[in-house]
Amino acid sequence: MSSSSSTPSKHDSETLEQPATQVSSTFRQFSHSSLPAFSLGGLFFASGLIPMTLQRKSYVPPFLQRVGFGVVLCGAGYILSQGDAENGSGVATAWSLTFSLLHLRKSLKSPRHPMSLALVGGTTACAALYGSEYFLLQS
């Protein structure tokens, strides 16, 4: 058995790191984009069109909270569009986690409203996307 087969070469470690680098660079493109924050803000604004009669049968977050979170997420999108990825991702992460903590349990209880599930799913995805930039990928 030769000594070269027992010790990993530099080329082996580069090929192992390449997929991780490719994933992080792809992920970083999206975490610097303002499109996810604006899209989620638009979803919050669209949820304001749910009639009150449908809200009584299943859980939907209060109207003012939906509009307020929409404004804040559009503000985070504006910050990101101005090139400030650190603060924009921090705002989007913090407010997405806040909404998820406030409404996740109630949104998953039966009877479920599709818009409530979409809001919680979107904020969780937004928190994961921008949180990875804020906590893991900053250089």
N, C-alpha and C. Protein backbone atom coordinates (compact mmCIF):
# COMPACT_ATOMS: atom_id res chain seq x y z
N MET A 1 0.85 -1.18 0.00
CA MET A 1 0.00 0.00 0.00
C MET A 1 0.89 1.23 0.00
N SER A 2 0.67 2.10 -0.91
CA SER A 2 1.50 3.29 -1.01
C SER A 2 0.98 4.37 -0.08
N SER A 3 1.87 5.27 0.28
CA SER A 3 1.49 6.35 1.20
C SER A 3 0.57 7.37 0.53
N SER A 4 0.62 7.44 -0.80
CA SER A 4 -0.22 8.41 -1.48
C SER A 4 -1.70 8.02 -1.45
N SER A 5 -2.00 6.73 -1.35
CA SER A 5 -3.40 6.31 -1.32
C SER A 5 -4.02 6.48 0.06
N SER A 6 -3.21 6.54 1.10
CA SER A 6 -3.76 6.66 2.45
C SER A 6 -3.98 8.12 2.86
N THR A 7 -3.29 9.03 2.24
CA THR A 7 -3.48 10.45 2.58
C THR A 7 -4.25 11.13 1.46
N PRO A 8 -5.23 11.91 1.82
CA PRO A 8 -5.99 12.61 0.78
C PRO A 8 -5.14 13.68 0.11
N SER A 9 -5.28 13.79 -1.17
CA SER A 9 -4.52 14.80 -1.90
C SER A 9 -5.28 16.12 -1.90
N LYS A 10 -4.59 17.15 -2.32
CA LYS A 10 -5.21 18.47 -2.40
C LYS A 10 -6.33 18.47 -3.44
N HIS A 11 -6.15 17.69 -4.50
CA HIS A 11 -7.17 17.62 -5.55
C HIS A 11 -8.46 16.99 -5.02
N ASP A 12 -8.35 15.98 -4.14
CA ASP A 12 -9.54 15.34 -3.56
C ASP A 12 -10.34 16.33 -2.72
N SER A 13 -9.66 17.13 -1.92
CA SER A 13 -10.38 18.08 -1.07
C SER A 13 -11.04 19.18 -1.91
N GLU A 14 -10.42 19.55 -3.03
CA GLU A 14 -11.03 20.56 -3.89
C GLU A 14 -12.30 20.04 -4.54
N THR A 15 -12.32 18.77 -4.94
CA THR A 15 -13.52 18.23 -5.57
C THR A 15 -14.63 18.05 -4.55
N LEU A 16 -14.30 17.81 -3.29
CA LEU A 16 -15.32 17.71 -2.26
C LEU A 16 -15.92 19.06 -1.93
N GLU A 17 -15.13 20.12 -1.97
CA GLU A 17 -15.61 21.45 -1.64
C GLU A 17 -16.33 22.12 -2.80
N GLN A 18 -16.12 21.64 -4.01
CA GLN A 18 -16.72 22.29 -5.17
C GLN A 18 -18.24 22.30 -5.14
N PRO A 19 -18.95 21.17 -4.85
CA PRO A 19 -20.41 21.25 -4.80
C PRO A 19 -20.91 22.20 -3.72
N ALA A 20 -20.26 22.21 -2.56
CA ALA A 20 -20.67 23.11 -1.49
C ALA A 20 -20.49 24.57 -1.91
N THR A 21 -19.40 24.86 -2.59
CA THR A 21 -19.15 26.22 -3.06
C THR A 21 -20.17 26.61 -4.13
N GLN A 22 -20.51 25.67 -4.99
CA GLN A 22 -21.49 25.95 -6.04
C GLN A 22 -22.87 26.21 -5.44
N VAL A 23 -23.25 25.43 -4.44
CA VAL A 23 -24.55 25.63 -3.79
C VAL A 23 -24.57 26.97 -3.06
N SER A 24 -23.50 27.29 -2.34
CA SER A 24 -23.49 28.55 -1.60
C SER A 24 -23.47 29.75 -2.54
N SER A 25 -22.81 29.64 -3.68
CA SER A 25 -22.82 30.78 -4.61
C SER A 25 -24.20 30.95 -5.25
N THR A 26 -24.89 29.85 -5.54
CA THR A 26 -26.25 29.94 -6.06
C THR A 26 -27.19 30.51 -5.01
N PHE A 27 -27.05 30.01 -3.79
CA PHE A 27 -27.89 30.48 -2.68
C PHE A 27 -27.64 31.95 -2.40
N ARG A 28 -26.37 32.36 -2.51
CA ARG A 28 -26.01 33.75 -2.23
C ARG A 28 -26.64 34.71 -3.24
N GLN A 29 -26.75 34.28 -4.50
CA GLN A 29 -27.40 35.13 -5.50
C GLN A 29 -28.83 35.46 -5.07
N PHE A 30 -29.55 34.46 -4.60
CA PHE A 30 -30.93 34.68 -4.19
C PHE A 30 -31.01 35.45 -2.88
N SER A 31 -30.05 35.26 -1.99
CA SER A 31 -30.10 35.96 -0.71
C SER A 31 -29.69 37.42 -0.83
N HIS A 32 -29.11 37.80 -1.95
CA HIS A 32 -28.81 39.21 -2.21
C HIS A 32 -29.90 39.88 -3.04
N SER A 33 -30.82 39.08 -3.54
CA SER A 33 -31.89 39.61 -4.39
C SER A 33 -33.03 40.15 -3.54
N SER A 34 -33.64 41.21 -4.02
CA SER A 34 -34.79 41.78 -3.32
C SER A 34 -36.10 41.13 -3.74
N LEU A 35 -36.07 40.31 -4.77
CA LEU A 35 -37.29 39.69 -5.30
C LEU A 35 -38.04 38.82 -4.27
N PRO A 36 -37.37 37.95 -3.50
CA PRO A 36 -38.13 37.17 -2.51
C PRO A 36 -38.82 38.05 -1.46
N ALA A 37 -38.17 39.10 -1.01
CA ALA A 37 -38.78 39.98 0.00
C ALA A 37 -39.97 40.74 -0.58
N PHE A 38 -39.82 41.26 -1.80
CA PHE A 38 -40.95 41.95 -2.44
C PHE A 38 -42.10 40.99 -2.72
N SER A 39 -41.78 39.77 -3.13
CA SER A 39 -42.83 38.78 -3.42
C SER A 39 -43.60 38.42 -2.16
N LEU A 40 -42.89 38.22 -1.07
CA LEU A 40 -43.57 37.88 0.18
C LEU A 40 -44.39 39.07 0.69
N GLY A 41 -43.86 40.28 0.53
CA GLY A 41 -44.63 41.47 0.89
C GLY A 41 -45.91 41.58 0.07
N GLY A 42 -45.81 41.27 -1.22
CA GLY A 42 -47.00 41.27 -2.08
C GLY A 42 -48.00 40.21 -1.67
N LEU A 43 -47.52 39.06 -1.22
CA LEU A 43 -48.41 38.01 -0.72
C LEU A 43 -49.15 38.48 0.52
N PHE A 44 -48.44 39.19 1.40
CA PHE A 44 -49.10 39.74 2.58
C PHE A 44 -50.17 40.76 2.20
N PHE A 45 -49.87 41.62 1.24
CA PHE A 45 -50.87 42.60 0.79
C PHE A 45 -52.07 41.91 0.13
N ALA A 46 -51.80 40.87 -0.66
CA ALA A 46 -52.89 40.14 -1.32
C ALA A 46 -53.77 39.42 -0.30
N SER A 47 -53.18 39.02 0.82
CA SER A 47 -53.98 38.32 1.84
C SER A 47 -54.98 39.27 2.50
N GLY A 48 -54.80 40.56 2.33
CA GLY A 48 -55.75 41.53 2.87
C GLY A 48 -57.09 41.50 2.15
N LEU A 49 -57.15 40.81 1.02
CA LEU A 49 -58.39 40.73 0.24
C LEU A 49 -59.29 39.57 0.68
N ILE A 50 -58.87 38.80 1.67
CA ILE A 50 -59.68 37.68 2.15
C ILE A 50 -60.91 38.23 2.85
N PRO A 51 -62.10 37.81 2.44
CA PRO A 51 -63.32 38.31 3.09
C PRO A 51 -63.41 37.86 4.55
N MET A 52 -64.04 38.67 5.37
CA MET A 52 -64.18 38.36 6.80
C MET A 52 -64.97 37.07 7.03
N THR A 53 -65.88 36.72 6.14
CA THR A 53 -66.68 35.50 6.33
C THR A 53 -65.82 34.25 6.25
N LEU A 54 -64.77 34.27 5.45
CA LEU A 54 -63.88 33.12 5.36
C LEU A 54 -62.93 33.05 6.54
N GLN A 55 -62.65 34.19 7.15
CA GLN A 55 -61.69 34.22 8.25
C GLN A 55 -62.26 33.59 9.52
N ARG A 56 -63.57 33.55 9.67
CA ARG A 56 -64.15 33.04 10.91
C ARG A 56 -64.10 31.52 10.99
N LYS A 57 -64.09 30.84 9.86
CA LYS A 57 -64.09 29.38 9.85
C LYS A 57 -62.71 28.80 10.15
N SER A 58 -61.68 29.47 9.75
CA SER A 58 -60.31 28.99 9.97
C SER A 58 -59.43 30.17 10.37
N TYR A 59 -58.24 29.86 10.87
CA TYR A 59 -57.36 30.91 11.38
C TYR A 59 -56.67 31.65 10.24
N VAL A 60 -56.78 32.96 10.27
CA VAL A 60 -56.04 33.86 9.40
C VAL A 60 -55.51 34.97 10.31
N PRO A 61 -54.22 35.33 10.21
CA PRO A 61 -53.69 36.40 11.06
C PRO A 61 -54.49 37.69 10.89
N PRO A 62 -54.49 38.54 11.91
CA PRO A 62 -55.25 39.80 11.84
C PRO A 62 -54.82 40.68 10.66
N PHE A 63 -55.76 41.45 10.16
CA PHE A 63 -55.56 42.29 8.98
C PHE A 63 -54.39 43.25 9.15
N LEU A 64 -54.35 43.97 10.27
CA LEU A 64 -53.29 44.97 10.47
C LEU A 64 -51.91 44.32 10.54
N GLN A 65 -51.83 43.12 11.10
CA GLN A 65 -50.53 42.43 11.14
C GLN A 65 -50.10 42.02 9.73
N ARG A 66 -51.04 41.55 8.93
CA ARG A 66 -50.69 41.16 7.56
C ARG A 66 -50.20 42.36 6.75
N VAL A 67 -50.89 43.48 6.88
CA VAL A 67 -50.47 44.69 6.16
C VAL A 67 -49.14 45.20 6.72
N GLY A 68 -48.99 45.19 8.03
CA GLY A 68 -47.75 45.65 8.65
C GLY A 68 -46.54 44.82 8.25
N PHE A 69 -46.69 43.50 8.25
CA PHE A 69 -45.58 42.65 7.82
C PHE A 69 -45.30 42.84 6.34
N GLY A 70 -46.33 43.11 5.54
CA GLY A 70 -46.11 43.40 4.12
C GLY A 70 -45.29 44.65 3.92
N VAL A 71 -45.58 45.69 4.70
CA VAL A 71 -44.82 46.94 4.61
C VAL A 71 -43.37 46.72 5.01
N VAL A 72 -43.16 46.00 6.11
CA VAL A 72 -41.79 45.77 6.59
C VAL A 72 -40.99 44.94 5.59
N LEU A 73 -41.60 43.90 5.02
CA LEU A 73 -40.87 43.07 4.06
C LEU A 73 -40.59 43.81 2.76
N CYS A 74 -41.49 44.68 2.34
CA CYS A 74 -41.19 45.52 1.18
C CYS A 74 -40.07 46.51 1.51
N GLY A 75 -40.02 46.97 2.76
CA GLY A 75 -38.90 47.81 3.20
C GLY A 75 -37.59 47.05 3.16
N ALA A 76 -37.61 45.79 3.57
CA ALA A 76 -36.40 44.96 3.50
C ALA A 76 -36.00 44.76 2.04
N GLY A 77 -36.98 44.59 1.16
CA GLY A 77 -36.67 44.47 -0.27
C GLY A 77 -36.04 45.73 -0.82
N TYR A 78 -36.52 46.89 -0.36
CA TYR A 78 -35.94 48.16 -0.79
C TYR A 78 -34.49 48.27 -0.31
N ILE A 79 -34.24 47.89 0.94
CA ILE A 79 -32.87 47.94 1.47
C ILE A 79 -31.96 47.04 0.64
N LEU A 80 -32.44 45.84 0.32
CA LEU A 80 -31.65 44.93 -0.50
C LEU A 80 -31.43 45.48 -1.91
N SER A 81 -32.43 46.14 -2.47
CA SER A 81 -32.29 46.69 -3.82
C SER A 81 -31.29 47.85 -3.87
N GLN A 82 -31.04 48.47 -2.72
CA GLN A 82 -30.06 49.55 -2.66
C GLN A 82 -28.64 49.04 -2.45
N GLY A 83 -28.48 47.72 -2.34
CA GLY A 83 -27.15 47.12 -2.24
C GLY A 83 -26.68 46.82 -0.84
N ASP A 84 -27.51 47.03 0.16
CA ASP A 84 -27.11 46.76 1.55
C ASP A 84 -27.62 45.37 1.95
N ALA A 85 -26.85 44.34 1.58
CA ALA A 85 -27.29 42.96 1.82
C ALA A 85 -27.30 42.61 3.30
N GLU A 86 -26.39 43.16 4.07
CA GLU A 86 -26.32 42.82 5.49
C GLU A 86 -27.57 43.30 6.24
N ASN A 87 -27.91 44.56 6.10
CA ASN A 87 -29.08 45.09 6.81
C ASN A 87 -30.39 44.58 6.22
N GLY A 88 -30.47 44.48 4.91
CA GLY A 88 -31.69 43.98 4.27
C GLY A 88 -31.99 42.55 4.66
N SER A 89 -30.97 41.71 4.66
CA SER A 89 -31.19 40.31 5.06
C SER A 89 -31.48 40.21 6.55
N GLY A 90 -30.91 41.09 7.34
CA GLY A 90 -31.20 41.09 8.78
C GLY A 90 -32.63 41.47 9.07
N VAL A 91 -33.14 42.50 8.38
CA VAL A 91 -34.53 42.92 8.57
C VAL A 91 -35.48 41.82 8.11
N ALA A 92 -35.23 41.25 6.94
CA ALA A 92 -36.11 40.20 6.42
C ALA A 92 -36.09 38.97 7.32
N THR A 93 -34.93 38.60 7.83
CA THR A 93 -34.83 37.44 8.72
C THR A 93 -35.57 37.68 10.02
N ALA A 94 -35.33 38.82 10.64
CA ALA A 94 -35.94 39.10 11.95
C ALA A 94 -37.46 39.13 11.86
N TRP A 95 -37.99 39.83 10.87
CA TRP A 95 -39.44 39.95 10.78
C TRP A 95 -40.10 38.67 10.29
N SER A 96 -39.42 37.90 9.46
CA SER A 96 -39.96 36.60 9.04
C SER A 96 -40.02 35.63 10.21
N LEU A 97 -38.97 35.61 11.02
CA LEU A 97 -38.99 34.75 12.20
C LEU A 97 -40.05 35.19 13.20
N THR A 98 -40.23 36.50 13.33
CA THR A 98 -41.26 37.01 14.24
C THR A 98 -42.65 36.55 13.80
N PHE A 99 -42.94 36.68 12.52
CA PHE A 99 -44.25 36.23 12.04
C PHE A 99 -44.42 34.73 12.24
N SER A 100 -43.38 33.96 11.95
CA SER A 100 -43.46 32.51 12.12
C SER A 100 -43.69 32.14 13.58
N LEU A 101 -42.99 32.82 14.49
CA LEU A 101 -43.18 32.52 15.91
C LEU A 101 -44.57 32.88 16.39
N LEU A 102 -45.13 33.96 15.87
CA LEU A 102 -46.46 34.40 16.31
C LEU A 102 -47.58 33.53 15.75
N HIS A 103 -47.43 33.02 14.53
CA HIS A 103 -48.58 32.44 13.84
C HIS A 103 -48.40 30.99 13.39
N LEU A 104 -47.27 30.38 13.59
CA LEU A 104 -47.05 29.03 13.07
C LEU A 104 -48.00 28.01 13.69
N ARG A 105 -48.10 28.00 14.99
CA ARG A 105 -48.93 27.00 15.68
C ARG A 105 -50.40 27.14 15.30
N LYS A 106 -50.91 28.36 15.31
CA LYS A 106 -52.33 28.57 14.99
C LYS A 106 -52.62 28.27 13.52
N SER A 107 -51.66 28.52 12.65
CA SER A 107 -51.88 28.28 11.23
C SER A 107 -51.91 26.80 10.89
N LEU A 108 -51.24 25.99 11.67
CA LEU A 108 -51.19 24.56 11.39
C LEU A 108 -52.33 23.78 12.03
N LYS A 109 -53.08 24.42 12.94
CA LYS A 109 -54.22 23.74 13.55
C LYS A 109 -55.38 23.66 12.57
N SER A 110 -56.19 22.67 12.74
CA SER A 110 -57.36 22.47 11.89
C SER A 110 -58.50 23.36 12.34
N PRO A 111 -59.32 23.90 11.50
CA PRO A 111 -59.27 23.89 10.04
C PRO A 111 -58.23 24.90 9.54
N ARG A 112 -57.51 24.52 8.53
CA ARG A 112 -56.43 25.35 7.99
C ARG A 112 -56.95 26.19 6.82
N HIS A 113 -56.45 27.40 6.75
CA HIS A 113 -56.77 28.26 5.61
C HIS A 113 -55.55 28.26 4.69
N PRO A 114 -55.72 28.07 3.38
CA PRO A 114 -54.57 28.01 2.46
C PRO A 114 -53.71 29.28 2.49
N MET A 115 -54.32 30.44 2.65
CA MET A 115 -53.54 31.68 2.68
C MET A 115 -52.68 31.74 3.93
N SER A 116 -53.21 31.28 5.04
CA SER A 116 -52.43 31.26 6.28
C SER A 116 -51.23 30.33 6.15
N LEU A 117 -51.45 29.17 5.54
CA LEU A 117 -50.34 28.24 5.31
C LEU A 117 -49.31 28.83 4.34
N ALA A 118 -49.78 29.55 3.32
CA ALA A 118 -48.87 30.18 2.36
C ALA A 118 -48.04 31.27 3.04
N LEU A 119 -48.65 32.05 3.92
CA LEU A 119 -47.91 33.11 4.62
C LEU A 119 -46.86 32.51 5.54
N VAL A 120 -47.22 31.48 6.30
CA VAL A 120 -46.26 30.87 7.21
C VAL A 120 -45.15 30.16 6.43
N GLY A 121 -45.51 29.46 5.35
CA GLY A 121 -44.50 28.81 4.53
C GLY A 121 -43.56 29.80 3.87
N GLY A 122 -44.12 30.89 3.37
CA GLY A 122 -43.30 31.93 2.74
C GLY A 122 -42.36 32.61 3.71
N THR A 123 -42.86 32.91 4.91
CA THR A 123 -41.99 33.56 5.89
C THR A 123 -40.91 32.61 6.39
N THR A 124 -41.22 31.33 6.50
CA THR A 124 -40.21 30.36 6.91
C THR A 124 -39.13 30.23 5.83
N ALA A 125 -39.54 30.17 4.57
CA ALA A 125 -38.57 30.11 3.48
C ALA A 125 -37.74 31.39 3.40
N CYS A 126 -38.37 32.53 3.61
CA CYS A 126 -37.67 33.81 3.59
C CYS A 126 -36.66 33.89 4.74
N ALA A 127 -37.06 33.42 5.91
CA ALA A 127 -36.15 33.41 7.05
C ALA A 127 -34.96 32.50 6.79
N ALA A 128 -35.19 31.36 6.14
CA ALA A 128 -34.08 30.45 5.82
C ALA A 128 -33.15 31.06 4.78
N LEU A 129 -33.73 31.68 3.76
CA LEU A 129 -32.93 32.26 2.68
C LEU A 129 -32.09 33.43 3.18
N TYR A 130 -32.73 34.41 3.78
CA TYR A 130 -32.00 35.59 4.23
C TYR A 130 -31.22 35.33 5.51
N GLY A 131 -31.68 34.39 6.32
CA GLY A 131 -30.94 34.03 7.53
C GLY A 131 -29.62 33.36 7.20
N SER A 132 -29.60 32.58 6.12
CA SER A 132 -28.33 31.97 5.71
C SER A 132 -27.33 33.05 5.31
N GLU A 133 -27.80 34.09 4.66
CA GLU A 133 -26.91 35.20 4.30
C GLU A 133 -26.45 35.94 5.55
N TYR A 134 -27.38 36.20 6.44
CA TYR A 134 -27.06 37.01 7.62
C TYR A 134 -26.14 36.27 8.58
N PHE A 135 -26.39 34.98 8.80
CA PHE A 135 -25.64 34.25 9.81
C PHE A 135 -24.49 33.42 9.26
N LEU A 136 -24.58 32.92 8.02
CA LEU A 136 -23.59 31.97 7.54
C LEU A 136 -22.69 32.49 6.42
N LEU A 137 -23.24 33.21 5.47
CA LEU A 137 -22.50 33.50 4.24
C LEU A 137 -21.81 34.86 4.21
N GLN A 138 -21.99 35.68 5.23
CA GLN A 138 -21.37 37.00 5.19
C GLN A 138 -19.86 36.87 5.20
N SER A 139 -19.23 37.71 4.38
CA SER A 139 -17.77 37.67 4.34
C SER A 139 -17.16 38.90 4.96
